[in-house]
Amino acid sequence: MNEDDKIQRAVRRTVGIAALKRIRRIVDVDNELEAGKQRWARRLGVLFMLAAVLVLAWMLIR
């Protein structure tokens, strides 16, 4: 194995590691966005349930 092959392998390894780190950052950001969407969905669900209970209570009292 000559010096050029060693350099090429080192370059490919470095580029591969950098690509994996970049993909990991993208996945982390996507996971954060999905977690945020789940929180908002839960909040809206609770809000709609509370509104439904209040409307039902208002209808029964009236």
PDB file of N, CA and C in Angstrom:
ATOM      1  N   MET A   1       0.855  -1.167   0.000  1.00  0.00           N
ATOM      2  CA  MET A   1       0.000   0.000   0.000  1.00  0.00           C
ATOM      3  C   MET A   1       0.906   1.237   0.000  1.00  0.00           C
ATOM      4  N   ASN A   2       0.682   2.091  -0.973  1.00  0.00           N
ATOM      5  CA  ASN A   2       1.527   3.282  -1.029  1.00  0.00           C
ATOM      6  C   ASN A   2       0.897   4.431  -0.238  1.00  0.00           C
ATOM      7  N   GLU A   3       1.619   5.516  -0.175  1.00  0.00           N
ATOM      8  CA  GLU A   3       1.214   6.673   0.625  1.00  0.00           C
ATOM      9  C   GLU A   3      -0.084   7.293   0.102  1.00  0.00           C
ATOM     10  N   ASP A   4      -0.274   7.273  -1.201  1.00  0.00           N
ATOM     11  CA  ASP A   4      -1.471   7.872  -1.805  1.00  0.00           C
ATOM     12  C   ASP A   4      -2.733   7.114  -1.385  1.00  0.00           C
ATOM     13  N   ASP A   5      -2.650   5.787  -1.315  1.00  0.00           N
ATOM     14  CA  ASP A   5      -3.802   4.997  -0.874  1.00  0.00           C
ATOM     15  C   ASP A   5      -4.159   5.307   0.583  1.00  0.00           C
ATOM     16  N   LYS A   6      -3.135   5.463   1.418  1.00  0.00           N
ATOM     17  CA  LYS A   6      -3.378   5.792   2.823  1.00  0.00           C
ATOM     18  C   LYS A   6      -4.065   7.145   2.943  1.00  0.00           C
ATOM     19  N   ILE A   7      -3.628   8.098   2.146  1.00  0.00           N
ATOM     20  CA  ILE A   7      -4.223   9.441   2.178  1.00  0.00           C
ATOM     21  C   ILE A   7      -5.679   9.378   1.711  1.00  0.00           C
ATOM     22  N   GLN A   8      -5.912   8.630   0.637  1.00  0.00           N
ATOM     23  CA  GLN A   8      -7.281   8.511   0.120  1.00  0.00           C
ATOM     24  C   GLN A   8      -8.205   7.861   1.154  1.00  0.00           C
ATOM     25  N   ARG A   9      -7.737   6.825   1.828  1.00  0.00           N
ATOM     26  CA  ARG A   9      -8.549   6.177   2.861  1.00  0.00           C
ATOM     27  C   ARG A   9      -8.833   7.128   4.011  1.00  0.00           C
ATOM     28  N   ALA A  10      -7.827   7.879   4.412  1.00  0.00           N
ATOM     29  CA  ALA A  10      -8.006   8.839   5.505  1.00  0.00           C
ATOM     30  C   ALA A  10      -9.004   9.929   5.113  1.00  0.00           C
ATOM     31  N   VAL A  11      -8.920  10.376   3.879  1.00  0.00           N
ATOM     32  CA  VAL A  11      -9.847  11.408   3.400  1.00  0.00           C
ATOM     33  C   VAL A  11     -11.268  10.856   3.372  1.00  0.00           C
ATOM     34  N   ARG A  12     -11.453   9.652   2.838  1.00  0.00           N
ATOM     35  CA  ARG A  12     -12.791   9.053   2.782  1.00  0.00           C
ATOM     36  C   ARG A  12     -13.361   8.858   4.184  1.00  0.00           C
ATOM     37  N   ARG A  13     -12.508   8.433   5.099  1.00  0.00           N
ATOM     38  CA  ARG A  13     -12.960   8.226   6.482  1.00  0.00           C
ATOM     39  C   ARG A  13     -13.389   9.550   7.111  1.00  0.00           C
ATOM     40  N   THR A  14     -12.588  10.583   6.920  1.00  0.00           N
ATOM     41  CA  THR A  14     -12.903  11.896   7.477  1.00  0.00           C
ATOM     42  C   THR A  14     -14.194  12.446   6.882  1.00  0.00           C
ATOM     43  N   VAL A  15     -14.348  12.315   5.578  1.00  0.00           N
ATOM     44  CA  VAL A  15     -15.564  12.798   4.917  1.00  0.00           C
ATOM     45  C   VAL A  15     -16.771  11.987   5.381  1.00  0.00           C
ATOM     46  N   GLY A  16     -16.608  10.696   5.543  1.00  0.00           N
ATOM     47  CA  GLY A  16     -17.702   9.846   6.018  1.00  0.00           C
ATOM     48  C   GLY A  16     -18.139  10.215   7.418  1.00  0.00           C
ATOM     49  N   ILE A  17     -17.185  10.454   8.294  1.00  0.00           N
ATOM     50  CA  ILE A  17     -17.505  10.835   9.673  1.00  0.00           C
ATOM     51  C   ILE A  17     -18.221  12.181   9.688  1.00  0.00           C
ATOM     52  N   ALA A  18     -17.745  13.124   8.882  1.00  0.00           N
ATOM     53  CA  ALA A  18     -18.387  14.435   8.811  1.00  0.00           C
ATOM     54  C   ALA A  18     -19.821  14.309   8.293  1.00  0.00           C
ATOM     55  N   ALA A  19     -20.033  13.453   7.303  1.00  0.00           N
ATOM     56  CA  ALA A  19     -21.381  13.253   6.763  1.00  0.00           C
ATOM     57  C   ALA A  19     -22.302  12.639   7.807  1.00  0.00           C
ATOM     58  N   LEU A  20     -21.808  11.666   8.562  1.00  0.00           N
ATOM     59  CA  LEU A  20     -22.616  11.053   9.606  1.00  0.00           C
ATOM     60  C   LEU A  20     -22.986  12.052  10.707  1.00  0.00           C
ATOM     61  N   LYS A  21     -22.043  12.913  11.068  1.00  0.00           N
ATOM     62  CA  LYS A  21     -22.326  13.946  12.069  1.00  0.00           C
ATOM     63  C   LYS A  21     -23.377  14.919  11.563  1.00  0.00           C
ATOM     64  N   ARG A  22     -23.297  15.278  10.294  1.00  0.00           N
ATOM     65  CA  ARG A  22     -24.271  16.193   9.704  1.00  0.00           C
ATOM     66  C   ARG A  22     -25.665  15.549   9.671  1.00  0.00           C
ATOM     67  N   ILE A  23     -25.728  14.291   9.293  1.00  0.00           N
ATOM     68  CA  ILE A  23     -27.003  13.574   9.286  1.00  0.00           C
ATOM     69  C   ILE A  23     -27.569  13.496  10.698  1.00  0.00           C
ATOM     70  N   ARG A  24     -26.718  13.257  11.690  1.00  0.00           N
ATOM     71  CA  ARG A  24     -27.160  13.181  13.084  1.00  0.00           C
ATOM     72  C   ARG A  24     -27.772  14.501  13.533  1.00  0.00           C
ATOM     73  N   ARG A  25     -27.162  15.623  13.142  1.00  0.00           N
ATOM     74  CA  ARG A  25     -27.714  16.937  13.498  1.00  0.00           C
ATOM     75  C   ARG A  25     -29.077  17.137  12.849  1.00  0.00           C
ATOM     76  N   ILE A  26     -29.215  16.723  11.599  1.00  0.00           N
ATOM     77  CA  ILE A  26     -30.497  16.856  10.896  1.00  0.00           C
ATOM     78  C   ILE A  26     -31.563  16.013  11.590  1.00  0.00           C
ATOM     79  N   VAL A  27     -31.213  14.798  11.971  1.00  0.00           N
ATOM     80  CA  VAL A  27     -32.163  13.917  12.659  1.00  0.00           C
ATOM     81  C   VAL A  27     -32.553  14.499  14.013  1.00  0.00           C
ATOM     82  N   ASP A  28     -31.595  15.064  14.735  1.00  0.00           N
ATOM     83  CA  ASP A  28     -31.898  15.658  16.033  1.00  0.00           C
ATOM     84  C   ASP A  28     -32.875  16.821  15.895  1.00  0.00           C
ATOM     85  N   VAL A  29     -32.662  17.664  14.899  1.00  0.00           N
ATOM     86  CA  VAL A  29     -33.572  18.796  14.670  1.00  0.00           C
ATOM     87  C   VAL A  29     -34.963  18.283  14.313  1.00  0.00           C
ATOM     88  N   ASP A  30     -35.028  17.266  13.477  1.00  0.00           N
ATOM     89  CA  ASP A  30     -36.324  16.701  13.094  1.00  0.00           C
ATOM     90  C   ASP A  30     -37.036  16.100  14.306  1.00  0.00           C
ATOM     91  N   ASN A  31     -36.303  15.422  15.167  1.00  0.00           N
ATOM     92  CA  ASN A  31     -36.899  14.851  16.378  1.00  0.00           C
ATOM     93  C   ASN A  31     -37.444  15.945  17.297  1.00  0.00           C
ATOM     94  N   GLU A  32     -36.725  17.060  17.402  1.00  0.00           N
ATOM     95  CA  GLU A  32     -37.195  18.178  18.218  1.00  0.00           C
ATOM     96  C   GLU A  32     -38.486  18.753  17.650  1.00  0.00           C
ATOM     97  N   LEU A  33     -38.559  18.878  16.327  1.00  0.00           N
ATOM     98  CA  LEU A  33     -39.777  19.395  15.700  1.00  0.00           C
ATOM     99  C   LEU A  33     -40.960  18.462  15.945  1.00  0.00           C
ATOM    100  N   GLU A  34     -40.731  17.166  15.833  1.00  0.00           N
ATOM    101  CA  GLU A  34     -41.798  16.196  16.069  1.00  0.00           C
ATOM    102  C   GLU A  34     -42.260  16.243  17.526  1.00  0.00           C
ATOM    103  N   ALA A  35     -41.341  16.396  18.452  1.00  0.00           N
ATOM    104  CA  ALA A  35     -41.710  16.493  19.868  1.00  0.00           C
ATOM    105  C   ALA A  35     -42.535  17.753  20.108  1.00  0.00           C
ATOM    106  N   GLY A  36     -42.171  18.836  19.458  1.00  0.00           N
ATOM    107  CA  GLY A  36     -42.952  20.066  19.569  1.00  0.00           C
ATOM    108  C   GLY A  36     -44.358  19.905  19.023  1.00  0.00           C
ATOM    109  N   LYS A  37     -44.476  19.210  17.906  1.00  0.00           N
ATOM    110  CA  LYS A  37     -45.801  18.955  17.333  1.00  0.00           C
ATOM    111  C   LYS A  37     -46.651  18.115  18.276  1.00  0.00           C
ATOM    112  N   GLN A  38     -46.042  17.123  18.915  1.00  0.00           N
ATOM    113  CA  GLN A  38     -46.781  16.277  19.865  1.00  0.00           C
ATOM    114  C   GLN A  38     -47.264  17.087  21.057  1.00  0.00           C
ATOM    115  N   ARG A  39     -46.428  17.999  21.554  1.00  0.00           N
ATOM    116  CA  ARG A  39     -46.842  18.841  22.679  1.00  0.00           C
ATOM    117  C   ARG A  39     -48.035  19.708  22.298  1.00  0.00           C
ATOM    118  N   TRP A  40     -47.969  20.320  21.111  1.00  0.00           N
ATOM    119  CA  TRP A  40     -49.075  21.164  20.664  1.00  0.00           C
ATOM    120  C   TRP A  40     -50.337  20.343  20.445  1.00  0.00           C
ATOM    121  N   ALA A  41     -50.220  19.147  19.905  1.00  0.00           N
ATOM    122  CA  ALA A  41     -51.386  18.295  19.697  1.00  0.00           C
ATOM    123  C   ALA A  41     -52.030  17.936  21.035  1.00  0.00           C
ATOM    124  N   ARG A  42     -51.217  17.638  22.023  1.00  0.00           N
ATOM    125  CA  ARG A  42     -51.738  17.309  23.351  1.00  0.00           C
ATOM    126  C   ARG A  42     -52.448  18.518  23.959  1.00  0.00           C
ATOM    127  N   ARG A  43     -51.844  19.694  23.839  1.00  0.00           N
ATOM    128  CA  ARG A  43     -52.462  20.913  24.379  1.00  0.00           C
ATOM    129  C   ARG A  43     -53.794  21.206  23.701  1.00  0.00           C
ATOM    130  N   LEU A  44     -53.811  21.088  22.379  1.00  0.00           N
ATOM    131  CA  LEU A  44     -55.048  21.350  21.651  1.00  0.00           C
ATOM    132  C   LEU A  44     -56.118  20.321  21.996  1.00  0.00           C
ATOM    133  N   GLY A  45     -55.721  19.076  22.173  1.00  0.00           N
ATOM    134  CA  GLY A  45     -56.670  18.047  22.564  1.00  0.00           C
ATOM    135  C   GLY A  45     -57.312  18.356  23.903  1.00  0.00           C
ATOM    136  N   VAL A  46     -56.506  18.761  24.861  1.00  0.00           N
ATOM    137  CA  VAL A  46     -57.025  19.116  26.182  1.00  0.00           C
ATOM    138  C   VAL A  46     -57.950  20.327  26.058  1.00  0.00           C
ATOM    139  N   LEU A  47     -57.564  21.299  25.257  1.00  0.00           N
ATOM    140  CA  LEU A  47     -58.381  22.495  25.067  1.00  0.00           C
ATOM    141  C   LEU A  47     -59.736  22.139  24.454  1.00  0.00           C
ATOM    142  N   PHE A  48     -59.749  21.292  23.428  1.00  0.00           N
ATOM    143  CA  PHE A  48     -61.002  20.900  22.793  1.00  0.00           C
ATOM    144  C   PHE A  48     -61.882  20.080  23.738  1.00  0.00           C
ATOM    145  N   MET A  49     -61.271  19.211  24.515  1.00  0.00           N
ATOM    146  CA  MET A  49     -62.045  18.432  25.481  1.00  0.00           C
ATOM    147  C   MET A  49     -62.662  19.350  26.531  1.00  0.00           C
ATOM    148  N   LEU A  50     -61.906  20.311  27.009  1.00  0.00           N
ATOM    149  CA  LEU A  50     -62.420  21.265  27.992  1.00  0.00           C
ATOM    150  C   LEU A  50     -63.559  22.071  27.395  1.00  0.00           C
ATOM    151  N   ALA A  51     -63.411  22.503  26.149  1.00  0.00           N
ATOM    152  CA  ALA A  51     -64.475  23.260  25.480  1.00  0.00           C
ATOM    153  C   ALA A  51     -65.727  22.394  25.330  1.00  0.00           C
ATOM    154  N   ALA A  52     -65.560  21.136  24.974  1.00  0.00           N
ATOM    155  CA  ALA A  52     -66.708  20.241  24.817  1.00  0.00           C
ATOM    156  C   ALA A  52     -67.420  20.041  26.149  1.00  0.00           C
ATOM    157  N   VAL A  53     -66.674  19.868  27.225  1.00  0.00           N
ATOM    158  CA  VAL A  53     -67.269  19.695  28.547  1.00  0.00           C
ATOM    159  C   VAL A  53     -68.019  20.956  28.950  1.00  0.00           C
ATOM    160  N   LEU A  54     -67.443  22.112  28.694  1.00  0.00           N
ATOM    161  CA  LEU A  54     -68.110  23.362  29.042  1.00  0.00           C
ATOM    162  C   LEU A  54     -69.386  23.558  28.240  1.00  0.00           C
ATOM    163  N   VAL A  55     -69.359  23.243  26.951  1.00  0.00           N
ATOM    164  CA  VAL A  55     -70.558  23.368  26.126  1.00  0.00           C
ATOM    165  C   VAL A  55     -71.626  22.394  26.606  1.00  0.00           C
ATOM    166  N   LEU A  56     -71.242  21.182  26.909  1.00  0.00           N
ATOM    167  CA  LEU A  56     -72.198  20.189  27.405  1.00  0.00           C
ATOM    168  C   LEU A  56     -72.783  20.628  28.745  1.00  0.00           C
ATOM    169  N   ALA A  57     -71.962  21.134  29.628  1.00  0.00           N
ATOM    170  CA  ALA A  57     -72.439  21.611  30.928  1.00  0.00           C
ATOM    171  C   ALA A  57     -73.391  22.792  30.747  1.00  0.00           C
ATOM    172  N   TRP A  58     -73.057  23.682  29.843  1.00  0.00           N
ATOM    173  CA  TRP A  58     -73.915  24.844  29.574  1.00  0.00           C
ATOM    174  C   TRP A  58     -75.265  24.388  29.023  1.00  0.00           C
ATOM    175  N   MET A  59     -75.240  23.377  28.132  1.00  0.00           N
ATOM    176  CA  MET A  59     -76.488  22.865  27.560  1.00  0.00           C
ATOM    177  C   MET A  59     -77.350  22.185  28.628  1.00  0.00           C
ATOM    178  N   LEU A  60     -76.740  21.477  29.550  1.00  0.00           N
ATOM    179  CA  LEU A  60     -77.488  20.784  30.594  1.00  0.00           C
ATOM    180  C   LEU A  60     -78.057  21.764  31.617  1.00  0.00           C
ATOM    181  N   ILE A  61     -77.333  22.784  31.940  1.00  0.00           N
ATOM    182  CA  ILE A  61     -77.799  23.781  32.912  1.00  0.00           C
ATOM    183  C   ILE A  61     -78.925  24.616  32.322  1.00  0.00           C
ATOM    184  N   ARG A  62     -78.873  24.900  31.093  1.00  0.00           N
ATOM    185  CA  ARG A  62     -79.837  25.736  30.408  1.00  0.00           C
ATOM    186  C   ARG A  62     -81.085  25.003  30.235  1.00  0.00           C
TER     187      ARG A  62
END
